Amino acid sequence: MRFQGKTVLVTGGSRGIGRAISEAFGREGAQVIINYSPEADAGVYRNAAEEAVKAIVAAGGEALAYPANVAEPSEVGAMIEDATARYGPVEILVNNAGICPFSDFLDLTPELWNQVFAVNLRGTFLCSQAVARIMIERKIQGRIICISSIGAVAGTAFQSHYCATKAGINLFVKSIATALGPSGITVNAVMPGAILTDINRQFFKENPEVERDYLRKIPVGRLGVPHDIAGPVLFLASEEAGYINGATLLVDGGFAAHL
């Protein structure tokens, strides 16, 4: 129960890695705000968020599902204001919301490029700034953890938009770590490797040779699962990680080391 009574906001917290993180914080006593997209496939995300809330409550925790587009300042502001009114100020922010519609570089449109940057990078900026302002105002020595990717340091032909946002997140983390550190707020990133989620499950199904190639290059011999990322995130949010600031933690089963 490391996070008993702590208020945690997980953006994109209804599915995949976000859900694993949300439920892990809930099991350890946190009050979890599970943000989800109110736009694309809203019913799917809403249902998933409500299921995550039920799972946390069933385990004895407390949670709230909250729809908000993280790329819209007004919606981010309203979400954090409502969360504060219900549970108190956010003490731990996990910037997990992200999209990655695969596209070959030559087919990539400016509209898709802008969409991915809006959610992945602009959303991370808006949520971090809004939460940090309250942390500083209330003298909270909080934690901000951003979900980056191995794609921040290794590109692929069909993720040029996504990889660019994740590289941006890594330097954003280092920059604001220096800005917020004097206030007692630490900022770090977790960089997942090949994690099986809704983003890539269909891709691997349609391209089994790509999955086999990944498996050959991952020393632990398997693709990651969302739970593999939740543990490192909770560590970075804990008191034990109080002296870790501006770090980017690679969690990839040894994929990069093997290369």
Protein backbone atom coordinates (compact mmCIF):
# COMPACT_ATOMS: atom_id res chain seq x y z
CA MET A 1 0.00 0.00 0.00
CA ARG A 2 2.74 2.45 -0.98
CA PHE A 3 0.25 4.94 -2.39
CA GLN A 4 -2.44 4.90 0.28
CA GLY A 5 -4.48 8.10 -0.01
CA LYS A 6 -2.49 9.44 -2.99
CA THR A 7 -4.36 10.96 -5.92
CA VAL A 8 -3.12 9.55 -9.23
CA LEU A 9 -4.12 10.64 -12.73
CA VAL A 10 -3.43 8.19 -15.56
CA THR A 11 -4.13 9.58 -19.01
CA GLY A 12 -5.28 7.01 -21.53
CA GLY A 13 -5.81 4.76 -18.53
CA SER A 14 -8.66 2.60 -19.78
CA ARG A 15 -6.80 0.04 -21.89
CA GLY A 16 -3.48 -1.68 -22.41
CA ILE A 17 -0.52 -0.25 -20.53
CA GLY A 18 -2.65 2.54 -19.06
CA ARG A 19 -5.13 0.13 -17.57
CA ALA A 20 -2.38 -2.03 -16.06
CA ILE A 21 -0.90 1.09 -14.47
CA SER A 22 -4.29 2.30 -13.20
CA GLU A 23 -5.13 -1.04 -11.61
CA ALA A 24 -1.66 -1.38 -10.07
CA PHE A 25 -1.98 2.01 -8.35
CA GLY A 26 -5.50 1.10 -7.22
CA ARG A 27 -4.28 -2.11 -5.62
CA GLU A 28 -1.74 -0.11 -3.65
CA GLY A 29 -4.26 2.27 -2.13
CA ALA A 30 -4.29 5.21 -4.54
CA GLN A 31 -7.34 7.15 -5.62
CA VAL A 32 -7.09 6.77 -9.39
CA ILE A 33 -8.53 9.06 -12.05
CA ILE A 34 -8.70 6.99 -15.23
CA ASN A 35 -8.74 9.36 -18.18
CA TYR A 36 -10.08 8.14 -21.51
CA SER A 37 -10.76 9.63 -24.94
CA PRO A 38 -14.28 11.02 -25.41
CA GLU A 39 -13.88 11.04 -29.18
CA ALA A 40 -12.78 8.11 -31.37
CA ASP A 41 -14.52 4.86 -30.36
CA ALA A 42 -15.87 6.70 -27.31
CA GLY A 43 -18.17 3.85 -26.30
CA VAL A 44 -15.32 1.35 -26.37
CA TYR A 45 -13.05 3.55 -24.26
CA ARG A 46 -15.83 4.50 -21.85
CA ASN A 47 -16.76 0.87 -21.28
CA ALA A 48 -13.12 -0.08 -20.81
CA ALA A 49 -12.62 2.76 -18.30
CA GLU A 50 -15.70 1.72 -16.34
CA GLU A 51 -14.48 -1.88 -16.28
CA ALA A 52 -11.14 -0.71 -14.93
CA VAL A 53 -12.92 1.29 -12.22
CA LYS A 54 -14.94 -1.79 -11.23
CA ALA A 55 -11.79 -3.89 -11.04
CA ILE A 56 -10.11 -1.36 -8.75
CA VAL A 57 -13.17 -1.01 -6.52
CA ALA A 58 -13.56 -4.80 -6.34
CA ALA A 59 -9.97 -4.98 -5.08
CA GLY A 60 -10.79 -2.48 -2.34
CA GLY A 61 -9.53 0.66 -4.06
CA GLU A 62 -11.15 3.84 -5.29
CA ALA A 63 -11.29 5.11 -8.87
CA LEU A 64 -13.10 7.44 -11.22
CA ALA A 65 -13.40 7.30 -15.04
CA TYR A 66 -13.05 10.71 -16.66
CA PRO A 67 -13.45 11.57 -20.37
CA ALA A 68 -11.18 14.32 -21.67
CA ASN A 69 -9.18 15.05 -24.80
CA VAL A 70 -5.67 15.60 -23.46
CA ALA A 71 -4.84 17.80 -26.47
CA GLU A 72 -7.49 20.37 -25.49
CA PRO A 73 -6.44 22.82 -22.72
CA SER A 74 -10.01 23.46 -21.55
CA GLU A 75 -10.74 19.75 -21.15
CA VAL A 76 -7.46 19.12 -19.35
CA GLY A 77 -8.17 22.02 -17.00
CA ALA A 78 -11.70 20.81 -16.24
CA MET A 79 -10.48 17.26 -15.59
CA ILE A 80 -7.81 18.35 -13.12
CA GLU A 81 -10.19 20.79 -11.42
CA ASP A 82 -12.85 18.10 -10.99
CA ALA A 83 -10.29 15.55 -9.79
CA THR A 84 -8.99 18.02 -7.22
CA ALA A 85 -12.49 18.76 -5.98
CA ARG A 86 -13.22 15.05 -5.52
CA TYR A 87 -9.95 13.59 -4.27
CA GLY A 88 -7.62 16.51 -3.64
CA PRO A 89 -4.75 17.68 -5.86
CA VAL A 90 -3.06 15.21 -8.19
CA GLU A 91 0.16 14.01 -6.57
CA ILE A 92 1.19 11.55 -9.28
CA LEU A 93 0.62 12.09 -12.99
CA VAL A 94 1.20 9.34 -15.54
CA ASN A 95 1.21 10.70 -19.08
CA ASN A 96 0.26 7.51 -20.88
CA ALA A 97 -2.24 8.67 -23.52
CA GLY A 98 -0.87 7.97 -26.95
CA ILE A 99 -1.84 6.82 -30.42
CA CYS A 100 0.09 5.10 -33.19
CA PRO A 101 -1.90 4.52 -36.37
CA PHE A 102 0.69 2.72 -38.47
CA SER A 103 1.54 4.42 -41.74
CA ASP A 104 4.35 3.98 -44.23
CA PHE A 105 6.36 7.21 -44.40
CA LEU A 106 5.49 7.93 -48.04
CA ASP A 107 1.79 7.53 -47.29
CA LEU A 108 1.81 9.62 -44.12
CA THR A 109 -0.48 12.65 -44.36
CA PRO A 110 0.00 16.00 -42.60
CA GLU A 111 -3.36 15.45 -40.90
CA LEU A 112 -2.27 12.15 -39.35
CA TRP A 113 1.09 13.65 -38.37
CA ASN A 114 -0.70 16.50 -36.55
CA GLN A 115 -3.14 14.12 -34.87
CA VAL A 116 -0.37 11.95 -33.43
CA PHE A 117 1.60 14.98 -32.24
CA ALA A 118 -1.53 16.48 -30.65
CA VAL A 119 -2.25 13.46 -28.47
CA ASN A 120 1.24 12.17 -27.77
CA LEU A 121 3.27 15.35 -27.31
CA ARG A 122 0.88 18.28 -26.88
CA GLY A 123 -1.21 16.20 -24.46
CA THR A 124 1.85 15.36 -22.39
CA PHE A 125 2.80 19.05 -22.25
CA LEU A 126 -0.68 20.27 -21.29
CA CYS A 127 -1.27 17.72 -18.55
CA SER A 128 2.23 18.11 -17.10
CA GLN A 129 2.00 21.89 -16.97
CA ALA A 130 -1.47 21.95 -15.44
CA VAL A 131 -0.58 19.42 -12.75
CA ALA A 132 2.81 20.98 -12.01
CA ARG A 133 1.27 24.38 -11.41
CA ILE A 134 -0.99 22.94 -8.71
CA MET A 135 1.83 20.90 -7.19
CA ILE A 136 3.97 24.02 -6.86
CA GLU A 137 1.08 26.14 -5.59
CA ARG A 138 0.30 23.58 -2.87
CA LYS A 139 3.93 22.66 -2.20
CA ILE A 140 3.42 19.03 -3.23
CA GLN A 141 6.58 17.07 -3.93
CA GLY A 142 4.91 15.11 -6.68
CA ARG A 143 5.81 12.73 -9.45
CA ILE A 144 5.32 13.02 -13.20
CA ILE A 145 5.98 9.87 -15.24
CA CYS A 146 5.72 9.88 -19.02
CA ILE A 147 5.31 6.79 -21.15
CA SER A 148 7.82 7.09 -23.95
CA SER A 149 8.96 4.19 -26.16
CA ILE A 150 11.97 2.37 -27.50
CA GLY A 151 10.79 4.15 -30.65
CA ALA A 152 12.36 7.30 -29.23
CA VAL A 153 15.80 5.88 -30.04
CA ALA A 154 15.07 3.34 -32.81
CA GLY A 155 12.90 4.14 -35.79
CA THR A 156 10.68 1.98 -37.99
CA ALA A 157 9.36 2.59 -41.49
CA PHE A 158 5.74 2.74 -40.37
CA GLN A 159 6.12 4.81 -37.17
CA SER A 160 7.97 7.96 -38.22
CA HIS A 161 5.24 10.17 -36.71
CA TYR A 162 5.04 8.14 -33.48
CA CYS A 163 8.81 7.85 -33.03
CA ALA A 164 9.24 11.60 -33.45
CA THR A 165 6.74 12.26 -30.63
CA LYS A 166 8.42 9.78 -28.30
CA ALA A 167 11.85 11.30 -28.93
CA GLY A 168 10.26 14.64 -28.12
CA ILE A 169 8.86 13.26 -24.88
CA ASN A 170 12.32 12.11 -23.78
CA LEU A 171 13.82 15.59 -24.13
CA PHE A 172 10.67 17.19 -22.72
CA VAL A 173 11.12 15.03 -19.61
CA LYS A 174 14.76 16.06 -19.22
CA SER A 175 13.90 19.71 -19.70
CA ILE A 176 11.05 19.94 -17.21
CA ALA A 177 12.94 17.76 -14.74
CA THR A 178 15.42 20.63 -14.44
CA ALA A 179 12.60 23.16 -14.16
CA LEU A 180 10.55 21.31 -11.53
CA GLY A 181 13.28 19.57 -9.53
CA PRO A 182 13.89 22.61 -7.28
CA SER A 183 10.22 22.36 -6.21
CA GLY A 184 10.65 18.72 -5.20
CA ILE A 185 8.85 17.35 -8.26
CA THR A 186 10.57 14.57 -10.16
CA VAL A 187 9.93 13.86 -13.83
CA ASN A 188 10.93 10.63 -15.53
CA ALA A 189 10.02 8.46 -18.51
CA VAL A 190 9.52 4.77 -19.04
CA MET A 191 10.40 3.49 -22.52
CA PRO A 192 8.54 0.25 -23.30
CA GLY A 193 9.91 -2.08 -25.93
CA ALA A 194 7.65 -4.47 -27.83
CA ILE A 195 4.58 -4.65 -25.60
CA LEU A 196 1.52 -6.52 -26.82
CA THR A 197 -1.39 -4.04 -26.73
CA ASP A 198 -4.35 -2.99 -28.85
CA ILE A 199 -2.01 -0.76 -30.86
CA ASN A 200 0.03 -3.62 -32.31
CA ARG A 201 -1.95 -6.82 -31.69
CA GLN A 202 -3.67 -6.75 -35.08
CA PHE A 203 -0.43 -5.78 -36.81
CA PHE A 204 1.40 -8.77 -35.38
CA LYS A 205 -1.52 -11.01 -36.29
CA GLU A 206 -1.36 -9.85 -39.90
CA ASN A 207 2.46 -9.93 -39.99
CA PRO A 208 3.56 -13.03 -38.07
CA GLU A 209 7.03 -12.85 -39.60
CA VAL A 210 7.57 -9.48 -37.87
CA GLU A 211 6.55 -10.96 -34.52
CA ARG A 212 8.93 -13.90 -35.04
CA ASP A 213 11.72 -11.47 -35.85
CA TYR A 214 11.06 -9.53 -32.62
CA LEU A 215 11.07 -12.73 -30.58
CA ARG A 216 14.43 -13.74 -32.00
CA LYS A 217 15.90 -10.42 -30.88
CA ILE A 218 14.44 -10.26 -27.35
CA PRO A 219 16.75 -12.13 -24.94
CA VAL A 220 13.96 -12.97 -22.47
CA GLY A 221 12.18 -14.75 -25.32
CA ARG A 222 8.77 -13.10 -25.27
CA LEU A 223 6.89 -9.93 -26.09
CA GLY A 224 6.14 -7.73 -23.12
CA VAL A 225 2.70 -7.35 -21.56
CA PRO A 226 1.20 -4.21 -19.98
CA HIS A 227 1.94 -5.44 -16.45
CA ASP A 228 5.66 -5.37 -17.30
CA ILE A 229 5.42 -1.57 -17.56
CA ALA A 230 3.20 -0.97 -14.52
CA GLY A 231 5.89 -2.10 -12.07
CA PRO A 232 8.58 0.33 -13.25
CA VAL A 233 6.04 3.17 -13.29
CA LEU A 234 5.03 2.50 -9.69
CA PHE A 235 8.69 2.37 -8.68
CA LEU A 236 9.37 5.79 -10.22
CA ALA A 237 6.32 7.14 -8.38
CA SER A 238 7.48 5.74 -5.05
CA GLU A 239 9.54 7.29 -2.26
CA GLU A 240 12.38 4.92 -3.09
CA ALA A 241 12.83 6.72 -6.42
CA GLY A 242 13.00 10.17 -4.88
CA TYR A 243 16.50 10.85 -6.23
CA ILE A 244 15.73 9.74 -9.79
CA ASN A 245 14.95 12.77 -11.94
CA GLY A 246 15.17 13.33 -15.69
CA ALA A 247 15.76 9.63 -16.36
CA THR A 248 14.51 7.52 -19.27
CA LEU A 249 14.14 3.89 -18.22
CA LEU A 250 14.19 1.33 -21.02
CA VAL A 251 11.94 -1.69 -20.34
CA ASP A 252 12.34 -3.98 -23.33
CA GLY A 253 13.39 -7.46 -22.23
CA GLY A 254 16.93 -6.76 -23.42
CA PHE A 255 15.99 -5.99 -27.03
CA ALA A 256 18.25 -2.92 -27.30
CA ALA A 257 21.09 -4.63 -25.43
CA HIS A 258 20.94 -7.53 -27.88
CA LEU A 259 21.18 -5.19 -30.85
